Amino acid sequence: MMRSMYSAVSSLRAHQLRMDVIGNNIANVNTVGYKGSRVTFQEVFSQTLSGAGRPQEGGRGGTNPQQVGLGVGISSMDTFHIRGAVETTGYNTDLMINGEGFFIVSDTAGGANKSYTRAGNLGLDTDGNLVTPDGYYVLGYESDGEGGFVESLTGLKISRSITNPPKATDKAIFEGNIDSKLKGPQAEDSTATPPIPAVPGEKFSSVMKVYDSLGNPHNIEVTFERTDDGKGATREFDVNITKINNVEQTENLIDFKLQFNSEGKLVSTNKSVDIKVEDAPAGSGLFQGANPLDINLDFSKLTSYAENSDAAALNINGYGSGKLDDFTIAANGEIEGVFSNGQTQILGKIRLANFKNPAGLIKTGSNMYRETANSGEAMFGDAGMGGFGSLRAGALEMSNVDLSNEFTNMITTQRGFQANSRIISTSDEMLQEIVNIKR
């Protein structure tokens, strides 16, 4: 009689624990990155009333053992590491892992005391550190500034104070047309009445914007002056630098000519020229403190048809310095900064971790886990490679709790608890009857 009561009590405890887990699952149905848990039961010791008997030769057959169970216990408490639903947020610091892996976080920027999480609701602190809502640093590789990474896990920083360095212009490609109807020079005719003075050829000018080694912008005016007499099939133009930052140039920086044939095609032997610009005009201080500008001017794409002149340096490299305007996080974890000078630069790379047995991780609160002896050591890798899931910016992984399943489990748990409470009350009534026999 007492066995039934103790068995029922063990079941009440087990079902109460299962209800606790169900309640926690339902409580976290909207928790970012939460992984649902379950409880499974197993029978505990059984009391053997009689053992099994062998069959007798020429006699009775064998008999089975007679045992009475002594209750129920917890077999396992499992965490399901399957991906939850996706919520699109549009915030560039919200990240979800589309596949296997965990974000690596630490309470120090140096990366000690690592924890792991699937919750990607990240943000930036006042110093630009990429952190979790509880201030844990998100770990990854910092950029080495040369297109690679410093392969040492550390806290990632996206600071608005980052400056993209300037690049001096060293190449300018001209495109477009120089009007073939521009008049050539007219020689002086002293025999005419009245005498006709000499007239230079007509000009077309185009201004290109270049940058020096300090990122200062400079406007250089390039002039094309027709120099042929118009009697032949070839048109010829002198190329000159006439102004720098609206300052007239007294010294020609280019000794270069362009020739076009009767079909308007450039036929010059040399289609480009190198120029050097420094402190021009002499003593003006226009380039003071910066390195001289060495620029290759490429005219190979110019034409000379009977259309309006529109020749211009449409493809010029070089740019000034810029401040961080925005950033994006790619599917492979690379953080790319977008700067005010129109340039982009890789700032760092988020690393991921995975385990041979993720179910062996232990929860430490705040959506984080720590490795255990049964989870195995963390294996680090890049998002989207080597079995690691890719990252999706502007989205969050939500809880993987299935409410319909949880409510079903809640009903069966309630019924199990209710049935075992009836065992206790019924056993009590039977004991009462035994006591009443004496009366």
Protein backbone atom coordinates (compact mmCIF):
# COMPACT_ATOMS: atom_id res chain seq x y z
CA MET A 1 0.00 0.00 0.00
CA MET A 2 2.75 2.40 0.91
CA ARG A 3 4.56 1.57 -2.34
CA SER A 4 1.71 2.97 -4.37
CA MET A 5 1.72 6.22 -2.40
CA TYR A 6 5.47 6.72 -2.74
CA SER A 7 5.30 5.88 -6.44
CA ALA A 8 2.55 8.45 -6.86
CA VAL A 9 4.56 11.04 -4.92
CA SER A 10 7.58 10.49 -7.21
CA SER A 11 5.29 10.92 -10.21
CA LEU A 12 3.85 14.17 -8.79
CA ARG A 13 7.38 15.52 -8.44
CA ALA A 14 8.33 14.43 -11.96
CA HIS A 15 5.18 15.89 -13.51
CA GLN A 16 5.65 19.11 -11.56
CA LEU A 17 9.19 19.40 -12.96
CA ARG A 18 7.88 18.74 -16.46
CA MET A 19 5.27 21.47 -15.96
CA ASP A 20 8.05 23.83 -14.84
CA VAL A 21 9.89 23.21 -18.12
CA ILE A 22 6.70 23.66 -20.15
CA GLY A 23 5.98 26.88 -18.31
CA ASN A 24 9.48 28.18 -19.03
CA ASN A 25 9.10 27.28 -22.72
CA ILE A 26 5.83 29.16 -22.97
CA ALA A 27 7.26 32.12 -21.03
CA ASN A 28 10.07 32.36 -23.61
CA VAL A 29 7.89 31.94 -26.68
CA ASN A 30 8.98 35.42 -27.88
CA THR A 31 12.56 35.37 -26.56
CA VAL A 32 15.16 35.99 -29.27
CA GLY A 33 17.18 32.86 -30.03
CA TYR A 34 15.57 30.80 -27.25
CA LYS A 35 15.78 27.01 -27.60
CA GLY A 36 12.95 24.98 -26.15
CA SER A 37 13.49 22.12 -23.70
CA ARG A 38 11.67 18.92 -22.83
CA VAL A 39 11.62 16.44 -19.94
CA THR A 40 11.46 12.69 -20.44
CA PHE A 41 10.67 10.13 -17.71
CA GLN A 42 12.03 6.73 -16.82
CA GLU A 43 11.00 4.13 -14.26
CA VAL A 44 13.15 3.82 -11.17
CA PHE A 45 13.93 0.75 -9.08
CA SER A 46 11.55 -2.19 -8.99
CA GLN A 47 11.05 -4.49 -6.00
CA THR A 48 11.34 -8.14 -7.02
CA LEU A 49 8.74 -10.31 -5.29
CA SER A 50 9.87 -13.50 -6.98
CA GLY A 51 12.47 -14.33 -9.55
CA ALA A 52 12.08 -16.15 -12.84
CA GLY A 53 11.80 -19.95 -12.81
CA ARG A 54 13.19 -22.44 -15.30
CA PRO A 55 10.91 -24.93 -17.05
CA GLN A 56 10.96 -28.39 -15.33
CA GLU A 57 11.83 -31.50 -17.28
CA GLY A 58 8.63 -33.38 -17.79
CA GLY A 59 6.90 -30.99 -15.43
CA ARG A 60 5.72 -27.41 -15.25
CA GLY A 61 6.86 -24.66 -17.54
CA GLY A 62 8.95 -21.68 -16.54
CA THR A 63 7.64 -18.70 -14.61
CA ASN A 64 8.29 -15.00 -15.13
CA PRO A 65 9.66 -12.73 -12.42
CA GLN A 66 7.21 -10.76 -10.31
CA GLN A 67 8.21 -7.15 -9.70
CA VAL A 68 6.54 -4.03 -8.37
CA GLY A 69 7.79 -0.67 -9.64
CA LEU A 70 8.78 1.99 -7.13
CA GLY A 71 7.94 5.11 -9.07
CA VAL A 72 9.22 7.37 -11.83
CA GLY A 73 12.27 9.58 -12.28
CA ILE A 74 13.70 12.04 -14.76
CA SER A 75 15.41 10.40 -17.72
CA SER A 76 16.64 13.55 -19.47
CA MET A 77 16.15 17.27 -19.86
CA ASP A 78 16.93 18.02 -23.51
CA THR A 79 17.41 21.31 -25.33
CA PHE A 80 16.37 21.38 -29.00
CA HIS A 81 18.95 23.26 -31.06
CA ILE A 82 16.84 23.66 -34.17
CA ARG A 83 16.45 27.02 -35.90
CA GLY A 84 13.53 29.19 -34.84
CA ALA A 85 11.32 31.42 -36.96
CA VAL A 86 12.73 34.50 -38.71
CA GLU A 87 11.69 38.03 -37.82
CA THR A 88 12.73 40.78 -40.23
CA THR A 89 13.65 44.00 -38.40
CA GLY A 90 15.68 46.08 -40.88
CA TYR A 91 18.28 47.06 -38.26
CA ASN A 92 21.80 46.45 -39.57
CA THR A 93 23.05 45.29 -36.15
CA ASP A 94 20.35 42.61 -35.90
CA LEU A 95 21.81 39.31 -37.10
CA MET A 96 20.60 35.76 -37.43
CA ILE A 97 22.55 32.62 -38.22
CA ASN A 98 20.91 30.75 -41.07
CA GLY A 99 22.22 27.32 -40.15
CA GLU A 100 24.67 25.91 -37.63
CA GLY A 101 26.79 27.95 -35.28
CA PHE A 102 26.83 30.39 -32.37
CA PHE A 103 28.02 33.95 -31.91
CA ILE A 104 31.12 34.15 -29.70
CA VAL A 105 30.83 36.72 -26.90
CA SER A 106 32.93 37.69 -23.92
CA ASP A 107 32.77 40.00 -20.92
CA THR A 108 36.19 41.38 -21.90
CA ALA A 109 37.31 42.91 -25.19
CA GLY A 110 40.33 40.61 -25.15
CA GLY A 111 38.12 37.55 -25.56
CA ALA A 112 38.59 35.77 -22.21
CA ASN A 113 35.67 33.92 -20.56
CA LYS A 114 33.94 33.06 -23.81
CA SER A 115 30.22 32.40 -23.97
CA TYR A 116 28.05 31.49 -26.93
CA THR A 117 24.64 32.62 -28.08
CA ARG A 118 22.19 32.38 -30.97
CA ALA A 119 20.55 35.69 -30.07
CA GLY A 120 21.63 38.28 -32.62
CA ASN A 121 19.95 41.39 -31.21
CA LEU A 122 23.25 43.29 -31.09
CA GLY A 123 24.07 46.98 -30.86
CA LEU A 124 26.88 49.51 -30.48
CA ASP A 125 28.03 51.12 -27.24
CA THR A 126 29.42 54.64 -26.85
CA ASP A 127 32.89 53.49 -27.94
CA GLY A 128 31.56 51.76 -31.04
CA ASN A 129 31.97 48.24 -29.66
CA LEU A 130 29.60 45.62 -31.11
CA VAL A 131 27.88 44.23 -28.01
CA THR A 132 24.93 42.17 -26.78
CA PRO A 133 22.14 43.87 -24.78
CA ASP A 134 24.02 42.90 -21.59
CA GLY A 135 27.25 44.52 -22.79
CA TYR A 136 29.11 41.36 -23.80
CA TYR A 137 31.60 41.97 -26.62
CA VAL A 138 30.98 40.17 -29.91
CA LEU A 139 34.24 38.53 -30.97
CA GLY A 140 35.83 38.27 -34.38
CA TYR A 141 38.85 39.32 -36.42
CA GLU A 142 39.92 42.94 -36.80
CA SER A 143 40.99 44.26 -40.18
CA ASP A 144 44.73 44.66 -40.75
CA GLY A 145 44.06 47.68 -42.98
CA GLU A 146 45.45 45.93 -46.05
CA GLY A 147 42.50 43.78 -47.07
CA GLY A 148 43.26 40.97 -44.61
CA PHE A 149 42.55 40.23 -40.96
CA VAL A 150 44.45 39.96 -37.70
CA GLU A 151 43.72 36.32 -36.85
CA SER A 152 43.20 36.76 -33.13
CA LEU A 153 39.74 36.78 -31.56
CA THR A 154 38.95 40.16 -30.08
CA GLY A 155 36.00 42.47 -29.56
CA LEU A 156 34.84 44.11 -32.79
CA LYS A 157 34.56 47.89 -33.01
CA ILE A 158 32.60 50.04 -35.49
CA SER A 159 33.55 53.55 -34.43
CA ARG A 160 32.20 56.67 -36.11
CA SER A 161 35.64 58.22 -35.58
CA ILE A 162 37.24 55.86 -38.12
CA THR A 163 38.80 57.77 -41.02
CA ASN A 164 39.32 56.40 -44.50
CA PRO A 165 42.71 57.73 -45.74
CA PRO A 166 42.92 59.80 -48.94
CA LYS A 167 44.36 58.55 -52.21
CA ALA A 168 46.25 60.85 -54.56
CA THR A 169 45.04 60.94 -58.16
CA ASP A 170 47.42 59.24 -60.57
CA LYS A 171 45.13 58.37 -63.50
CA ALA A 172 42.57 60.32 -65.50
CA ILE A 173 40.83 58.89 -68.57
CA PHE A 174 39.21 61.35 -70.98
CA GLU A 175 36.11 60.40 -72.93
CA GLY A 176 33.84 62.27 -75.30
CA ASN A 177 34.20 64.40 -78.41
CA ILE A 178 36.19 67.45 -79.58
CA ASP A 179 34.18 69.33 -82.20
CA SER A 180 35.80 68.92 -85.63
CA LYS A 181 34.33 72.32 -86.63
CA LEU A 182 36.64 74.22 -84.28
CA LYS A 183 38.61 76.63 -86.48
CA GLY A 184 42.34 76.33 -86.92
CA PRO A 185 44.79 79.26 -86.60
CA GLN A 186 44.76 82.08 -89.19
CA ALA A 187 48.11 83.47 -90.35
CA GLU A 188 48.73 87.21 -90.56
CA ASP A 189 48.00 88.71 -94.02
CA SER A 190 49.78 92.06 -94.26
CA THR A 191 48.93 92.43 -97.96
CA ALA A 192 45.23 92.65 -97.41
CA THR A 193 43.46 95.99 -97.10
CA PRO A 194 43.08 96.47 -94.27
CA PRO A 195 45.75 93.96 -93.03
CA ILE A 196 44.38 90.76 -91.38
CA PRO A 197 46.04 90.00 -88.02
CA ALA A 198 47.01 86.47 -87.02
CA VAL A 199 44.28 84.57 -85.14
CA PRO A 200 45.04 81.52 -82.92
CA GLY A 201 43.04 78.32 -83.25
CA GLU A 202 39.77 77.90 -81.37
CA LYS A 203 39.87 76.23 -77.97
CA PHE A 204 37.78 73.89 -75.86
CA SER A 205 38.45 73.53 -72.13
CA SER A 206 37.45 70.87 -69.61
CA VAL A 207 38.01 70.95 -65.84
CA MET A 208 38.93 67.80 -63.92
CA LYS A 209 38.89 67.43 -60.14
CA VAL A 210 41.91 65.66 -58.63
CA TYR A 211 43.19 64.99 -55.10
CA ASP A 212 46.67 65.31 -53.63
CA SER A 213 48.32 63.01 -51.07
CA LEU A 214 46.67 64.89 -48.17
CA GLY A 215 43.21 64.61 -49.71
CA ASN A 216 42.97 68.24 -50.83
CA PRO A 217 40.86 68.67 -53.98
CA HIS A 218 42.26 70.64 -56.92
CA ASN A 219 40.65 71.74 -60.16
CA ILE A 220 42.88 71.41 -63.22
CA GLU A 221 41.70 72.99 -66.49
CA VAL A 222 42.79 71.10 -69.61
CA THR A 223 42.52 73.00 -72.89
CA PHE A 224 42.45 71.55 -76.42
CA GLU A 225 43.53 74.14 -79.03
CA ARG A 226 43.30 73.40 -82.74
CA THR A 227 46.67 74.01 -84.42
CA ASP A 228 46.37 72.64 -87.98
CA ASP A 229 45.57 74.98 -90.90
CA GLY A 230 42.50 72.96 -91.94
CA LYS A 231 43.86 72.17 -95.40
CA GLY A 232 44.74 68.54 -94.77
CA ALA A 233 42.69 65.50 -93.75
CA THR A 234 44.22 65.41 -90.28
CA ARG A 235 43.10 67.66 -87.42
CA GLU A 236 45.64 68.49 -84.75
CA PHE A 237 45.13 69.81 -81.23
CA ASP A 238 47.60 71.06 -78.65
CA VAL A 239 46.83 69.88 -75.11
CA ASN A 240 47.65 72.41 -72.37
CA ILE A 241 47.12 72.93 -68.64
CA THR A 242 45.79 76.48 -68.54
CA LYS A 243 44.51 76.85 -64.96
CA ILE A 244 45.03 75.17 -61.59
CA ASN A 245 42.45 76.13 -58.98
CA ASN A 246 41.49 79.09 -61.20
CA VAL A 247 45.08 80.35 -61.19
CA GLU A 248 46.37 81.03 -64.70
CA GLN A 249 49.42 78.98 -65.64
CA THR A 250 52.28 80.89 -67.27
CA GLU A 251 54.25 77.73 -67.92
CA ASN A 252 52.86 74.89 -70.01
CA LEU A 253 53.01 71.61 -68.11
CA ILE A 254 52.32 69.50 -71.21
CA ASP A 255 54.10 69.32 -74.57
CA PHE A 256 51.60 67.05 -76.26
CA LYS A 257 49.53 66.92 -79.44
CA LEU A 258 46.49 64.90 -80.51
CA GLN A 259 45.79 64.03 -84.14
CA PHE A 260 42.48 62.84 -85.60
CA ASN A 261 41.92 61.44 -89.11
CA SER A 262 39.13 62.25 -91.55
CA GLU A 263 36.87 59.69 -89.83
CA GLY A 264 37.20 61.41 -86.46
CA LYS A 265 39.39 58.64 -84.97
CA LEU A 266 42.42 59.37 -82.82
CA VAL A 267 45.56 58.41 -84.77
CA SER A 268 48.28 59.88 -82.56
CA THR A 269 51.21 57.57 -81.88
CA ASN A 270 51.03 58.43 -78.18
CA LYS A 271 47.54 58.53 -76.73
CA SER A 272 48.52 59.36 -73.15
CA VAL A 273 50.93 61.64 -71.35
CA ASP A 274 52.34 61.92 -67.82
CA ILE A 275 52.20 65.27 -66.07
CA LYS A 276 53.69 66.43 -62.78
CA VAL A 277 51.98 69.15 -60.79
CA GLU A 278 53.69 70.78 -57.80
CA ASP A 279 53.43 74.18 -56.15
CA ALA A 280 52.09 75.65 -59.38
CA PRO A 281 52.60 78.33 -60.33
CA ALA A 282 55.99 78.53 -58.63
CA GLY A 283 55.72 79.91 -55.11
CA SER A 284 51.92 79.98 -55.05
CA GLY A 285 51.68 77.35 -52.30
CA LEU A 286 48.78 75.58 -54.01
CA PHE A 287 50.24 72.16 -53.14
CA GLN A 288 52.13 73.11 -50.03
CA GLY A 289 52.70 70.15 -47.69
CA ALA A 290 51.48 67.50 -50.14
CA ASN A 291 53.48 65.30 -52.47
CA PRO A 292 53.67 66.39 -56.11
CA LEU A 293 50.87 65.07 -58.29
CA ASP A 294 52.02 62.56 -60.92
CA ILE A 295 49.06 61.95 -63.19
CA ASN A 296 48.74 59.94 -66.38
CA LEU A 297 46.25 61.59 -68.77
CA ASP A 298 44.73 59.02 -71.13
CA PHE A 299 43.07 60.43 -74.29
CA SER A 300 42.61 57.13 -76.16
CA LYS A 301 38.82 57.25 -75.97
CA LEU A 302 38.44 60.73 -77.53
CA THR A 303 36.86 61.36 -80.94
CA SER A 304 36.60 64.39 -83.21
CA TYR A 305 33.25 64.41 -84.99
CA ALA A 306 31.09 67.32 -86.15
CA GLU A 307 29.28 67.44 -82.80
CA ASN A 308 29.52 69.76 -79.84
CA SER A 309 32.61 69.33 -77.71
CA ASP A 310 32.04 67.42 -74.49
CA ALA A 311 35.43 65.83 -73.82
CA ALA A 312 35.96 65.36 -70.09
CA ALA A 313 37.90 63.23 -67.61
CA LEU A 314 35.04 60.92 -66.67
CA ASN A 315 37.18 58.29 -65.00
CA ILE A 316 39.49 59.79 -62.38
CA ASN A 317 40.89 57.86 -59.46
CA GLY A 318 41.85 59.42 -56.15
CA TYR A 319 39.69 60.77 -53.37
CA GLY A 320 39.84 62.76 -50.16
CA SER A 321 39.63 61.38 -46.64
CA GLY A 322 36.24 60.35 -45.29
CA LYS A 323 34.42 59.64 -42.03
CA LEU A 324 32.31 56.55 -41.40
CA ASP A 325 28.75 57.16 -42.56
CA ASP A 326 27.26 53.68 -42.36
CA PHE A 327 28.17 50.01 -42.36
CA THR A 328 26.83 46.70 -43.57
CA ILE A 329 27.39 43.12 -42.42
CA ALA A 330 27.75 40.57 -45.18
CA ALA A 331 26.59 36.94 -45.18
CA ASN A 332 30.17 35.81 -44.49
CA GLY A 333 30.43 38.05 -41.41
CA GLU A 334 32.54 40.80 -42.96
CA ILE A 335 31.73 44.27 -41.61
CA GLU A 336 32.11 46.82 -44.42
CA GLY A 337 32.24 50.52 -43.60
CA VAL A 338 30.79 53.10 -45.99
CA PHE A 339 32.60 56.45 -45.78
CA SER A 340 31.65 60.01 -46.64
CA ASN A 341 34.17 60.04 -49.51
CA GLY A 342 32.23 57.28 -51.25
CA GLN A 343 34.76 54.58 -50.42
CA THR A 344 34.22 51.31 -48.58
CA GLN A 345 36.58 49.54 -46.22
CA ILE A 346 36.45 46.20 -44.38
CA LEU A 347 36.44 46.91 -40.64
CA GLY A 348 36.37 43.38 -39.26
CA LYS A 349 34.82 39.94 -39.50
CA ILE A 350 32.42 38.17 -37.14
CA ARG A 351 33.51 34.63 -36.26
CA LEU A 352 31.22 31.76 -35.31
CA ALA A 353 31.63 28.69 -33.10
CA ASN A 354 30.07 25.24 -33.17
CA PHE A 355 30.20 22.09 -31.09
CA LYS A 356 30.14 18.34 -31.68
CA ASN A 357 27.21 18.12 -29.28
CA PRO A 358 25.37 21.46 -28.91
CA ALA A 359 22.80 19.78 -26.64
CA GLY A 360 25.62 19.35 -24.11
CA LEU A 361 25.99 23.12 -23.63
CA ILE A 362 24.85 24.58 -20.32
CA LYS A 363 22.61 27.64 -20.17
CA THR A 364 24.00 30.55 -18.17
CA GLY A 365 21.15 33.04 -18.63
CA SER A 366 20.75 36.02 -20.96
CA ASN A 367 20.39 33.65 -23.94
CA MET A 368 23.97 32.45 -23.50
CA TYR A 369 25.65 29.07 -23.17
CA ARG A 370 28.98 27.77 -21.89
CA GLU A 371 30.77 24.66 -23.08
CA THR A 372 30.84 21.54 -20.92
CA ALA A 373 32.72 18.26 -20.92
CA ASN A 374 29.91 16.70 -22.98
CA SER A 375 29.54 19.50 -25.54
CA GLY A 376 33.12 19.21 -26.71
CA GLU A 377 35.48 22.11 -27.29
CA ALA A 378 34.39 25.01 -29.45
CA MET A 379 35.27 24.83 -33.15
CA PHE A 380 35.71 28.28 -34.73
CA GLY A 381 35.03 29.17 -38.35
CA ASP A 382 33.69 31.67 -40.87
CA ALA A 383 29.99 32.16 -41.55
CA GLY A 384 28.82 30.33 -44.66
CA MET A 385 31.85 28.01 -44.79
CA GLY A 386 32.81 24.64 -43.35
CA GLY A 387 29.33 23.73 -42.11
CA PHE A 388 28.68 27.10 -40.46
CA GLY A 389 25.47 28.94 -41.33
CA SER A 390 25.55 32.24 -43.17
CA LEU A 391 24.58 35.51 -41.51
CA ARG A 392 21.52 37.54 -42.39
CA ALA A 393 21.59 41.18 -41.35
CA GLY A 394 18.36 42.98 -40.47
CA ALA A 395 16.71 39.82 -39.13
CA LEU A 396 16.47 37.89 -35.87
CA GLU A 397 16.03 34.24 -35.03
CA MET A 398 13.08 33.91 -32.68
CA SER A 399 12.20 31.20 -30.20
CA ASN A 400 11.73 27.69 -31.59
CA VAL A 401 8.95 26.92 -29.08
CA ASP A 402 5.87 25.31 -30.70
CA LEU A 403 2.87 26.54 -28.71
CA SER A 404 0.52 23.84 -29.98
CA ASN A 405 2.97 21.16 -28.87
CA GLU A 406 3.50 22.85 -25.50
CA PHE A 407 -0.23 23.08 -24.80
CA THR A 408 -0.64 19.40 -25.69
CA ASN A 409 2.19 18.50 -23.33
CA MET A 410 0.61 20.69 -20.67
CA ILE A 411 -2.67 18.77 -20.95
CA THR A 412 -1.00 15.35 -20.71
CA THR A 413 1.15 16.57 -17.83
CA GLN A 414 -1.90 17.86 -15.99
CA ARG A 415 -3.71 14.57 -16.51
CA GLY A 416 -0.69 12.61 -15.30
CA PHE A 417 -0.44 14.79 -12.19
CA GLN A 418 -4.19 14.49 -11.59
CA ALA A 419 -4.18 10.70 -11.96
CA ASN A 420 -1.30 10.27 -9.51
CA SER A 421 -2.99 12.52 -6.96
CA ARG A 422 -5.96 10.13 -7.22
CA ILE A 423 -3.58 7.23 -6.44
CA ILE A 424 -2.62 8.95 -3.19
CA SER A 425 -6.23 9.67 -2.17
CA THR A 426 -7.38 6.16 -3.11
CA SER A 427 -4.48 4.54 -1.21
CA ASP A 428 -5.37 6.70 1.77
CA GLU A 429 -8.97 5.47 1.63
CA MET A 430 -7.77 1.87 1.48
CA LEU A 431 -5.58 2.44 4.54
CA GLN A 432 -8.57 3.96 6.28
CA GLU A 433 -10.58 0.82 5.58
CA ILE A 434 -7.83 -1.28 7.13
CA VAL A 435 -7.90 0.88 10.23
CA ASN A 436 -11.66 0.52 10.40
CA ILE A 437 -11.41 -3.31 10.50
CA LYS A 438 -10.52 -3.07 14.18
CA ARG A 439 -13.80 -1.34 14.90
